[in-house]
């Protein structure tokens, strides 16, 4: 998978629940799950579906902010209107 794209996306929805989306490396729709009361619950469920927060690129979005995590790199915190460094 290209380094510029996350493999997992965690989003806090308008009703303040969390959802996750797994983006497959070969394209396609991937898997999704939603309606978790917290980010902890969403990531716990995602780990049951193959998510490894220490070895995969992931992002989390809440209140117009995005956190980008790439293995071996510092975590980057951005407003939603900013682009992550590549």
N, C-alpha and C. Protein backbone atom coordinates (compact mmCIF):
# COMPACT_ATOMS: atom_id res chain seq x y z
N UNK A 1 0.84 -1.18 0.00
CA UNK A 1 0.00 0.00 0.00
C UNK A 1 0.88 1.24 0.00
N UNK A 2 0.55 2.27 -0.78
CA UNK A 2 1.33 3.50 -0.79
C UNK A 2 1.35 4.13 0.60
N UNK A 3 2.47 4.77 0.93
CA UNK A 3 2.62 5.38 2.24
C UNK A 3 1.66 6.54 2.46
N UNK A 4 1.15 7.16 1.39
CA UNK A 4 0.29 8.32 1.53
C UNK A 4 -1.14 8.01 1.90
N UNK A 5 -1.50 6.75 2.05
CA UNK A 5 -2.90 6.41 2.33
C UNK A 5 -3.02 5.55 3.58
N UNK A 6 -3.96 5.90 4.44
CA UNK A 6 -4.15 5.09 5.65
C UNK A 6 -4.78 3.75 5.33
N UNK A 7 -4.52 2.77 6.18
CA UNK A 7 -5.14 1.47 6.04
C UNK A 7 -6.42 1.37 6.87
N UNK A 8 -6.50 2.18 7.93
CA UNK A 8 -7.67 2.18 8.81
C UNK A 8 -8.06 3.62 9.12
N UNK A 9 -9.37 3.88 9.10
CA UNK A 9 -9.89 5.20 9.42
C UNK A 9 -10.90 5.04 10.55
N UNK A 10 -10.72 5.84 11.60
CA UNK A 10 -11.65 5.88 12.74
C UNK A 10 -12.26 7.27 12.76
N UNK A 11 -13.60 7.34 12.81
CA UNK A 11 -14.29 8.62 12.72
C UNK A 11 -15.34 8.74 13.81
N UNK A 12 -15.36 9.90 14.47
CA UNK A 12 -16.43 10.21 15.42
C UNK A 12 -17.56 10.85 14.61
N UNK A 13 -18.73 10.24 14.64
CA UNK A 13 -19.86 10.69 13.83
C UNK A 13 -20.61 11.82 14.52
N UNK A 14 -21.59 12.38 13.81
CA UNK A 14 -22.38 13.50 14.32
C UNK A 14 -23.10 13.15 15.62
N UNK A 15 -23.47 11.89 15.81
CA UNK A 15 -24.17 11.50 17.04
C UNK A 15 -23.20 11.04 18.13
N UNK A 16 -21.92 11.38 17.96
CA UNK A 16 -20.85 11.12 18.93
C UNK A 16 -20.56 9.64 19.17
N UNK A 17 -20.85 8.81 18.18
CA UNK A 17 -20.40 7.43 18.23
C UNK A 17 -19.23 7.29 17.25
N UNK A 18 -18.47 6.23 17.42
CA UNK A 18 -17.29 6.00 16.58
C UNK A 18 -17.56 4.91 15.55
N UNK A 19 -16.94 5.07 14.40
CA UNK A 19 -17.01 4.08 13.33
C UNK A 19 -15.60 3.82 12.84
N UNK A 20 -15.37 2.63 12.28
CA UNK A 20 -14.07 2.34 11.64
C UNK A 20 -14.29 1.83 10.24
N UNK A 21 -13.26 2.03 9.40
CA UNK A 21 -13.28 1.59 8.02
C UNK A 21 -11.90 1.03 7.70
N UNK A 22 -11.86 -0.21 7.23
CA UNK A 22 -10.61 -0.84 6.81
C UNK A 22 -10.50 -0.69 5.29
N UNK A 23 -9.40 -0.11 4.84
CA UNK A 23 -9.19 0.12 3.42
C UNK A 23 -8.27 -0.97 2.89
N UNK A 24 -8.76 -1.81 1.99
CA UNK A 24 -7.92 -2.89 1.48
C UNK A 24 -6.81 -2.37 0.57
N UNK A 25 -5.64 -3.00 0.64
CA UNK A 25 -4.50 -2.53 -0.15
C UNK A 25 -4.72 -2.71 -1.65
N UNK A 26 -5.53 -3.67 -2.05
CA UNK A 26 -5.76 -3.90 -3.47
C UNK A 26 -6.96 -3.15 -4.03
N UNK A 27 -7.53 -2.25 -3.24
CA UNK A 27 -8.72 -1.54 -3.69
C UNK A 27 -9.98 -2.25 -3.23
N UNK A 28 -11.10 -1.77 -3.63
CA UNK A 28 -12.37 -2.35 -3.22
C UNK A 28 -12.98 -1.58 -2.06
N UNK A 29 -14.08 -2.11 -1.55
CA UNK A 29 -14.83 -1.41 -0.53
C UNK A 29 -14.28 -1.57 0.88
N UNK A 30 -13.71 -2.68 1.21
CA UNK A 30 -13.20 -2.91 2.56
C UNK A 30 -14.31 -3.24 3.53
N UNK A 31 -13.96 -3.24 4.81
CA UNK A 31 -14.92 -3.53 5.87
C UNK A 31 -15.21 -2.27 6.66
N UNK A 32 -16.41 -2.19 7.24
CA UNK A 32 -16.77 -1.07 8.10
C UNK A 32 -17.55 -1.57 9.30
N UNK A 33 -17.51 -0.80 10.36
CA UNK A 33 -18.34 -1.06 11.54
C UNK A 33 -18.58 0.28 12.21
N UNK A 34 -19.75 0.45 12.83
CA UNK A 34 -20.04 1.73 13.46
C UNK A 34 -20.84 1.56 14.74
N UNK A 35 -21.15 2.68 15.36
CA UNK A 35 -21.95 2.76 16.59
C UNK A 35 -21.22 2.26 17.83
N UNK A 36 -19.96 2.63 17.96
CA UNK A 36 -19.22 2.33 19.18
C UNK A 36 -19.24 3.57 20.07
N UNK A 37 -19.41 3.38 21.35
CA UNK A 37 -19.54 4.48 22.29
C UNK A 37 -18.22 5.25 22.49
N UNK A 38 -17.09 4.60 22.18
CA UNK A 38 -15.79 5.25 22.38
C UNK A 38 -14.81 4.78 21.31
N UNK A 39 -13.72 5.54 21.17
CA UNK A 39 -12.65 5.13 20.26
C UNK A 39 -12.03 3.83 20.74
N UNK A 40 -11.90 3.66 22.04
CA UNK A 40 -11.36 2.41 22.59
C UNK A 40 -12.16 1.20 22.13
N UNK A 41 -13.50 1.32 22.20
CA UNK A 41 -14.34 0.20 21.76
C UNK A 41 -14.22 -0.04 20.26
N UNK A 42 -14.12 1.04 19.49
CA UNK A 42 -13.97 0.90 18.03
C UNK A 42 -12.65 0.22 17.68
N UNK A 43 -11.56 0.64 18.33
CA UNK A 43 -10.27 0.01 18.02
C UNK A 43 -10.22 -1.43 18.52
N UNK A 44 -10.86 -1.70 19.64
CA UNK A 44 -10.91 -3.08 20.13
C UNK A 44 -11.61 -3.98 19.12
N UNK A 45 -12.73 -3.49 18.57
CA UNK A 45 -13.44 -4.28 17.57
C UNK A 45 -12.61 -4.41 16.29
N UNK A 46 -11.95 -3.33 15.89
CA UNK A 46 -11.13 -3.37 14.67
C UNK A 46 -9.99 -4.39 14.80
N UNK A 47 -9.42 -4.55 16.01
CA UNK A 47 -8.35 -5.54 16.19
C UNK A 47 -8.87 -6.95 15.94
N UNK A 48 -10.14 -7.18 16.21
CA UNK A 48 -10.74 -8.49 15.93
C UNK A 48 -10.86 -8.72 14.42
N UNK A 49 -10.73 -7.63 13.64
CA UNK A 49 -10.82 -7.72 12.18
C UNK A 49 -9.48 -7.47 11.51
N UNK A 50 -8.37 -7.58 12.28
CA UNK A 50 -7.05 -7.49 11.68
C UNK A 50 -6.30 -6.19 11.92
N UNK A 51 -6.86 -5.25 12.64
CA UNK A 51 -6.18 -3.98 12.90
C UNK A 51 -5.05 -4.17 13.91
N UNK A 52 -3.88 -3.64 13.55
CA UNK A 52 -2.73 -3.62 14.47
C UNK A 52 -2.25 -2.18 14.55
N UNK A 53 -2.57 -1.47 15.63
CA UNK A 53 -2.26 -0.04 15.72
C UNK A 53 -0.76 0.28 15.74
N UNK A 54 0.08 -0.72 15.95
CA UNK A 54 1.52 -0.48 16.03
C UNK A 54 2.25 -0.73 14.71
N UNK A 55 1.62 -1.44 13.78
CA UNK A 55 2.30 -1.77 12.52
C UNK A 55 1.58 -1.25 11.28
N UNK A 56 0.42 -0.65 11.43
CA UNK A 56 -0.35 -0.18 10.27
C UNK A 56 -0.57 1.33 10.35
N UNK A 57 -0.69 1.95 9.18
CA UNK A 57 -1.00 3.38 9.10
C UNK A 57 -2.48 3.54 9.37
N UNK A 58 -2.83 4.44 10.30
CA UNK A 58 -4.23 4.69 10.61
C UNK A 58 -4.44 6.16 10.90
N UNK A 59 -5.70 6.60 10.76
CA UNK A 59 -6.06 7.96 11.13
C UNK A 59 -7.31 7.92 11.99
N UNK A 60 -7.46 8.94 12.83
CA UNK A 60 -8.66 9.12 13.65
C UNK A 60 -9.14 10.55 13.45
N UNK A 61 -10.46 10.71 13.21
CA UNK A 61 -11.04 12.02 12.96
C UNK A 61 -12.09 12.34 14.02
N UNK A 62 -12.00 13.56 14.57
CA UNK A 62 -13.00 14.04 15.54
C UNK A 62 -12.97 15.57 15.55
N UNK A 63 -14.13 16.17 15.59
CA UNK A 63 -14.28 17.63 15.72
C UNK A 63 -13.41 18.41 14.75
N UNK A 64 -13.34 18.00 13.50
CA UNK A 64 -12.57 18.73 12.51
C UNK A 64 -11.06 18.57 12.62
N UNK A 65 -10.62 17.62 13.43
CA UNK A 65 -9.18 17.35 13.59
C UNK A 65 -8.91 15.91 13.17
N UNK A 66 -7.70 15.69 12.69
CA UNK A 66 -7.30 14.35 12.27
C UNK A 66 -5.94 14.01 12.87
N UNK A 67 -5.83 12.81 13.42
CA UNK A 67 -4.57 12.29 13.91
C UNK A 67 -4.09 11.24 12.92
N UNK A 68 -2.84 11.38 12.45
CA UNK A 68 -2.25 10.42 11.51
C UNK A 68 -1.15 9.66 12.24
N UNK A 69 -1.18 8.34 12.14
CA UNK A 69 -0.13 7.52 12.72
C UNK A 69 0.46 6.64 11.65
N UNK A 70 1.77 6.75 11.46
CA UNK A 70 2.51 5.86 10.56
C UNK A 70 3.56 5.15 11.40
N UNK A 71 3.67 3.84 11.26
CA UNK A 71 4.68 3.10 12.04
C UNK A 71 6.07 3.70 11.85
N UNK A 72 6.76 3.89 12.97
CA UNK A 72 8.12 4.39 12.93
C UNK A 72 8.25 5.89 12.72
N UNK A 73 7.13 6.61 12.66
CA UNK A 73 7.16 8.06 12.45
C UNK A 73 6.42 8.75 13.59
N UNK A 74 6.71 10.02 13.83
CA UNK A 74 5.95 10.74 14.86
C UNK A 74 4.48 10.88 14.45
N UNK A 75 3.61 10.85 15.43
CA UNK A 75 2.20 11.06 15.17
C UNK A 75 1.99 12.51 14.74
N UNK A 76 1.11 12.73 13.76
CA UNK A 76 0.84 14.07 13.23
C UNK A 76 -0.60 14.42 13.54
N UNK A 77 -0.80 15.63 14.09
CA UNK A 77 -2.13 16.12 14.42
C UNK A 77 -2.45 17.30 13.50
N UNK A 78 -3.57 17.22 12.77
CA UNK A 78 -3.93 18.25 11.79
C UNK A 78 -5.39 18.66 11.93
N UNK A 79 -5.66 19.91 11.51
CA UNK A 79 -7.06 20.31 11.33
C UNK A 79 -7.54 19.61 10.06
N UNK A 80 -8.83 19.47 9.90
CA UNK A 80 -9.35 18.74 8.75
C UNK A 80 -9.04 19.40 7.42
N UNK A 81 -8.71 20.69 7.41
CA UNK A 81 -8.41 21.38 6.16
C UNK A 81 -6.92 21.33 5.81
N UNK A 82 -6.10 20.63 6.59
CA UNK A 82 -4.68 20.50 6.30
C UNK A 82 -4.38 19.15 5.67
N UNK A 83 -3.33 19.09 4.87
CA UNK A 83 -2.90 17.83 4.27
C UNK A 83 -1.77 17.24 5.10
N UNK A 84 -1.76 15.91 5.27
CA UNK A 84 -0.66 15.30 6.02
C UNK A 84 0.64 15.34 5.22
N UNK A 85 1.77 15.42 5.92
CA UNK A 85 3.04 15.33 5.20
C UNK A 85 3.23 13.93 4.66
N UNK A 86 3.81 13.81 3.51
CA UNK A 86 4.00 12.49 2.89
C UNK A 86 5.42 12.04 3.07
